[in-house]
Amino acid sequence: MRSPPAGPRASCPSHGLASLDEQYRAATLAAYYVLSYLSMSLPAIAAGAATQCYGLRTTSHAYAAVAALLAAAALTALAVSRTRTGLGSSPRTRPLR
């Protein structure tokens, strides 16, 4: 089996799945669904197991704290990437003075 094409068109997210061959499109969608399922189910399974050891209240507080930290990290990474690429300098994203 050949690897997916590597080039400027393959790495550009604006072209999406339409630019991929059918076999790569199916593999990409399958990987997306598997990763989505695992990213939602594994934390829930871990929280269920932690509930047995630490109780519902402690587990739910820890789960919420971890989710908040991950959200803050994602927002920070987005802000840093926009600053580095210059996307944060458009008139729409600049704060009013």
N, C-alpha and C. Protein backbone atom coordinates (compact mmCIF):
# COMPACT_ATOMS: atom_id res chain seq x y z
N MET A 1 0.83 -1.17 0.00
CA MET A 1 0.00 0.00 0.00
C MET A 1 0.88 1.24 0.00
N ARG A 2 0.55 2.17 -0.85
CA ARG A 2 1.32 3.41 -0.95
C ARG A 2 0.92 4.36 0.17
N SER A 3 1.86 5.24 0.51
CA SER A 3 1.54 6.25 1.51
C SER A 3 0.81 7.40 0.83
N PRO A 4 0.06 8.19 1.61
CA PRO A 4 -0.67 9.32 1.03
C PRO A 4 0.28 10.31 0.39
N PRO A 5 -0.19 11.05 -0.59
CA PRO A 5 0.68 12.02 -1.26
C PRO A 5 1.16 13.08 -0.30
N ALA A 6 2.43 13.42 -0.42
CA ALA A 6 3.00 14.46 0.42
C ALA A 6 3.36 15.64 -0.46
N GLY A 7 2.71 16.70 -0.26
CA GLY A 7 2.98 17.89 -1.04
C GLY A 7 2.22 19.06 -0.46
N PRO A 8 2.33 20.21 -1.08
CA PRO A 8 1.64 21.38 -0.52
C PRO A 8 0.14 21.20 -0.50
N ARG A 9 -0.39 20.49 -1.46
CA ARG A 9 -1.84 20.31 -1.50
C ARG A 9 -2.33 19.34 -0.44
N ALA A 10 -1.53 18.32 -0.13
CA ALA A 10 -1.93 17.32 0.86
C ALA A 10 -1.89 17.88 2.27
N SER A 11 -1.00 18.84 2.53
CA SER A 11 -0.86 19.37 3.88
C SER A 11 -1.72 20.60 4.13
N CYS A 12 -2.37 21.11 3.14
CA CYS A 12 -3.17 22.32 3.29
C CYS A 12 -4.58 21.94 3.76
N PRO A 13 -5.01 22.40 4.94
CA PRO A 13 -6.31 22.00 5.44
C PRO A 13 -7.48 22.59 4.65
N SER A 14 -7.25 23.61 3.85
CA SER A 14 -8.36 24.21 3.12
C SER A 14 -8.87 23.32 2.00
N HIS A 15 -8.04 22.36 1.54
CA HIS A 15 -8.49 21.45 0.49
C HIS A 15 -9.34 20.33 1.05
N GLY A 16 -9.19 20.00 2.32
CA GLY A 16 -10.02 19.01 2.98
C GLY A 16 -9.90 17.62 2.39
N LEU A 17 -10.93 16.84 2.60
CA LEU A 17 -10.93 15.46 2.14
C LEU A 17 -11.11 15.33 0.64
N ALA A 18 -11.63 16.33 -0.01
CA ALA A 18 -11.89 16.24 -1.45
C ALA A 18 -10.61 16.07 -2.25
N SER A 19 -9.49 16.52 -1.73
CA SER A 19 -8.24 16.42 -2.48
C SER A 19 -7.59 15.04 -2.35
N LEU A 20 -8.10 14.19 -1.47
CA LEU A 20 -7.52 12.86 -1.27
C LEU A 20 -8.16 11.84 -2.20
N ASP A 21 -7.38 10.80 -2.54
CA ASP A 21 -7.94 9.68 -3.28
C ASP A 21 -8.96 8.97 -2.40
N GLU A 22 -9.81 8.16 -3.03
CA GLU A 22 -10.88 7.50 -2.28
C GLU A 22 -10.34 6.63 -1.15
N GLN A 23 -9.29 5.86 -1.40
CA GLN A 23 -8.78 4.97 -0.35
C GLN A 23 -8.20 5.76 0.80
N TYR A 24 -7.54 6.89 0.52
CA TYR A 24 -6.99 7.71 1.59
C TYR A 24 -8.10 8.45 2.32
N ARG A 25 -9.12 8.84 1.61
CA ARG A 25 -10.25 9.52 2.23
C ARG A 25 -10.92 8.60 3.24
N ALA A 26 -11.13 7.33 2.87
CA ALA A 26 -11.75 6.37 3.77
C ALA A 26 -10.86 6.12 4.99
N ALA A 27 -9.57 5.99 4.77
CA ALA A 27 -8.65 5.75 5.88
C ALA A 27 -8.59 6.96 6.80
N THR A 28 -8.62 8.16 6.24
CA THR A 28 -8.59 9.37 7.05
C THR A 28 -9.85 9.49 7.90
N LEU A 29 -11.01 9.24 7.29
CA LEU A 29 -12.25 9.30 8.05
C LEU A 29 -12.30 8.22 9.13
N ALA A 30 -11.84 7.02 8.81
CA ALA A 30 -11.82 5.95 9.81
C ALA A 30 -10.93 6.32 10.99
N ALA A 31 -9.76 6.87 10.70
CA ALA A 31 -8.86 7.28 11.78
C ALA A 31 -9.48 8.40 12.61
N TYR A 32 -10.16 9.33 11.95
CA TYR A 32 -10.83 10.42 12.66
C TYR A 32 -11.88 9.88 13.62
N TYR A 33 -12.70 8.94 13.15
CA TYR A 33 -13.76 8.40 13.99
C TYR A 33 -13.20 7.56 15.13
N VAL A 34 -12.16 6.80 14.89
CA VAL A 34 -11.55 6.00 15.96
C VAL A 34 -10.95 6.92 17.02
N LEU A 35 -10.22 7.95 16.60
CA LEU A 35 -9.63 8.87 17.57
C LEU A 35 -10.69 9.66 18.32
N SER A 36 -11.77 10.04 17.64
CA SER A 36 -12.86 10.75 18.32
C SER A 36 -13.51 9.86 19.37
N TYR A 37 -13.77 8.62 19.00
CA TYR A 37 -14.40 7.70 19.94
C TYR A 37 -13.51 7.47 21.15
N LEU A 38 -12.22 7.23 20.91
CA LEU A 38 -11.31 7.00 22.02
C LEU A 38 -11.14 8.23 22.91
N SER A 39 -11.10 9.41 22.28
CA SER A 39 -10.90 10.62 23.08
C SER A 39 -12.11 10.95 23.95
N MET A 40 -13.28 10.42 23.59
CA MET A 40 -14.46 10.64 24.43
C MET A 40 -14.68 9.49 25.41
N SER A 41 -14.35 8.27 25.01
CA SER A 41 -14.68 7.13 25.87
C SER A 41 -13.62 6.85 26.93
N LEU A 42 -12.35 6.98 26.59
CA LEU A 42 -11.31 6.64 27.57
C LEU A 42 -11.34 7.53 28.82
N PRO A 43 -11.53 8.85 28.70
CA PRO A 43 -11.65 9.64 29.93
C PRO A 43 -12.87 9.27 30.76
N ALA A 44 -13.97 8.90 30.10
CA ALA A 44 -15.17 8.50 30.84
C ALA A 44 -14.93 7.18 31.57
N ILE A 45 -14.25 6.24 30.93
CA ILE A 45 -13.93 4.97 31.58
C ILE A 45 -12.98 5.19 32.75
N ALA A 46 -11.99 6.05 32.55
CA ALA A 46 -11.04 6.35 33.63
C ALA A 46 -11.76 7.03 34.80
N ALA A 47 -12.69 7.93 34.50
CA ALA A 47 -13.43 8.59 35.57
C ALA A 47 -14.31 7.59 36.31
N GLY A 48 -14.90 6.65 35.60
CA GLY A 48 -15.69 5.62 36.26
C GLY A 48 -14.85 4.77 37.19
N ALA A 49 -13.66 4.41 36.74
CA ALA A 49 -12.76 3.63 37.60
C ALA A 49 -12.30 4.44 38.80
N ALA A 50 -12.02 5.73 38.59
CA ALA A 50 -11.59 6.58 39.69
C ALA A 50 -12.70 6.79 40.71
N THR A 51 -13.94 6.75 40.25
CA THR A 51 -15.08 6.91 41.16
C THR A 51 -15.11 5.79 42.19
N GLN A 52 -14.71 4.59 41.77
CA GLN A 52 -14.68 3.46 42.69
C GLN A 52 -13.66 3.68 43.81
N CYS A 53 -12.56 4.34 43.50
CA CYS A 53 -11.50 4.55 44.48
C CYS A 53 -11.67 5.82 45.30
N TYR A 54 -12.06 6.91 44.63
CA TYR A 54 -12.05 8.22 45.28
C TYR A 54 -13.43 8.81 45.54
N GLY A 55 -14.46 8.22 45.03
CA GLY A 55 -15.81 8.74 45.22
C GLY A 55 -16.20 9.68 44.09
N LEU A 56 -17.50 9.87 43.94
CA LEU A 56 -18.03 10.66 42.83
C LEU A 56 -17.66 12.13 42.93
N ARG A 57 -17.75 12.69 44.12
CA ARG A 57 -17.49 14.13 44.28
C ARG A 57 -16.04 14.47 43.94
N THR A 58 -15.09 13.75 44.49
CA THR A 58 -13.68 14.02 44.23
C THR A 58 -13.34 13.80 42.76
N THR A 59 -13.86 12.71 42.20
CA THR A 59 -13.59 12.40 40.80
C THR A 59 -14.16 13.47 39.88
N SER A 60 -15.38 13.92 40.14
CA SER A 60 -15.99 14.93 39.27
C SER A 60 -15.26 16.26 39.37
N HIS A 61 -14.79 16.61 40.56
CA HIS A 61 -14.02 17.85 40.71
C HIS A 61 -12.69 17.76 39.96
N ALA A 62 -12.03 16.62 40.08
CA ALA A 62 -10.75 16.43 39.37
C ALA A 62 -10.97 16.42 37.86
N TYR A 63 -12.03 15.76 37.41
CA TYR A 63 -12.35 15.70 35.97
C TYR A 63 -12.60 17.10 35.43
N ALA A 64 -13.37 17.91 36.17
CA ALA A 64 -13.65 19.28 35.74
C ALA A 64 -12.38 20.13 35.73
N ALA A 65 -11.52 19.94 36.72
CA ALA A 65 -10.27 20.71 36.77
C ALA A 65 -9.36 20.37 35.60
N VAL A 66 -9.26 19.09 35.29
CA VAL A 66 -8.43 18.67 34.15
C VAL A 66 -9.01 19.19 32.84
N ALA A 67 -10.32 19.14 32.69
CA ALA A 67 -10.96 19.66 31.48
C ALA A 67 -10.72 21.16 31.34
N ALA A 68 -10.81 21.90 32.44
CA ALA A 68 -10.55 23.34 32.40
C ALA A 68 -9.10 23.64 32.04
N LEU A 69 -8.17 22.86 32.59
CA LEU A 69 -6.75 23.07 32.27
C LEU A 69 -6.47 22.76 30.80
N LEU A 70 -7.08 21.71 30.28
CA LEU A 70 -6.88 21.40 28.86
C LEU A 70 -7.48 22.48 27.96
N ALA A 71 -8.63 23.02 28.35
CA ALA A 71 -9.23 24.10 27.57
C ALA A 71 -8.35 25.35 27.60
N ALA A 72 -7.80 25.67 28.77
CA ALA A 72 -6.92 26.84 28.88
C ALA A 72 -5.64 26.63 28.05
N ALA A 73 -5.11 25.42 28.07
CA ALA A 73 -3.92 25.12 27.27
C ALA A 73 -4.22 25.24 25.78
N ALA A 74 -5.39 24.79 25.36
CA ALA A 74 -5.76 24.89 23.94
C ALA A 74 -5.92 26.35 23.52
N LEU A 75 -6.54 27.16 24.37
CA LEU A 75 -6.70 28.58 24.05
C LEU A 75 -5.34 29.29 24.01
N THR A 76 -4.45 28.94 24.92
CA THR A 76 -3.11 29.52 24.93
C THR A 76 -2.35 29.14 23.67
N ALA A 77 -2.44 27.86 23.29
CA ALA A 77 -1.75 27.42 22.06
C ALA A 77 -2.32 28.12 20.84
N LEU A 78 -3.63 28.32 20.80
CA LEU A 78 -4.24 29.04 19.68
C LEU A 78 -3.76 30.48 19.63
N ALA A 79 -3.72 31.14 20.77
CA ALA A 79 -3.27 32.53 20.81
C ALA A 79 -1.81 32.64 20.38
N VAL A 80 -0.97 31.73 20.83
CA VAL A 80 0.44 31.75 20.46
C VAL A 80 0.60 31.50 18.96
N SER A 81 -0.14 30.54 18.43
CA SER A 81 0.00 30.25 16.99
C SER A 81 -0.50 31.40 16.14
N ARG A 82 -1.54 32.08 16.59
CA ARG A 82 -2.03 33.24 15.83
C ARG A 82 -1.05 34.39 15.89
N THR A 83 -0.39 34.55 17.03
CA THR A 83 0.60 35.62 17.16
C THR A 83 1.81 35.33 16.26
N ARG A 84 2.24 34.09 16.21
CA ARG A 84 3.41 33.73 15.40
C ARG A 84 3.13 33.83 13.91
N THR A 85 1.92 33.51 13.48
CA THR A 85 1.61 33.53 12.05
C THR A 85 1.11 34.89 11.59
N GLY A 86 0.88 35.81 12.53
CA GLY A 86 0.43 37.13 12.15
C GLY A 86 -1.07 37.24 11.96
N LEU A 87 -1.82 36.21 12.30
CA LEU A 87 -3.27 36.27 12.16
C LEU A 87 -3.91 37.16 13.21
N GLY A 88 -3.19 37.41 14.29
CA GLY A 88 -3.75 38.23 15.35
C GLY A 88 -3.64 39.72 15.09
N SER A 89 -3.13 40.15 13.93
CA SER A 89 -2.92 41.56 13.69
C SER A 89 -3.97 42.18 12.76
N SER A 90 -5.01 41.45 12.44
CA SER A 90 -6.04 42.03 11.59
C SER A 90 -6.90 43.00 12.39
N PRO A 91 -7.56 43.94 11.74
CA PRO A 91 -8.37 44.92 12.47
C PRO A 91 -9.49 44.27 13.28
N ARG A 92 -9.98 43.14 12.85
CA ARG A 92 -11.07 42.49 13.58
C ARG A 92 -10.62 41.89 14.89
N THR A 93 -9.38 41.47 14.99
CA THR A 93 -8.91 40.79 16.20
C THR A 93 -8.17 41.73 17.15
N ARG A 94 -7.85 42.94 16.71
CA ARG A 94 -7.18 43.88 17.60
C ARG A 94 -8.16 44.47 18.59
N PRO A 95 -7.76 44.66 19.85
CA PRO A 95 -8.66 45.26 20.84
C PRO A 95 -8.87 46.74 20.54
N LEU A 96 -10.02 47.23 20.93
CA LEU A 96 -10.32 48.66 20.78
C LEU A 96 -9.53 49.45 21.80
N ARG A 97 -9.15 50.67 21.44
CA ARG A 97 -8.38 51.50 22.37
C ARG A 97 -9.21 52.57 22.96
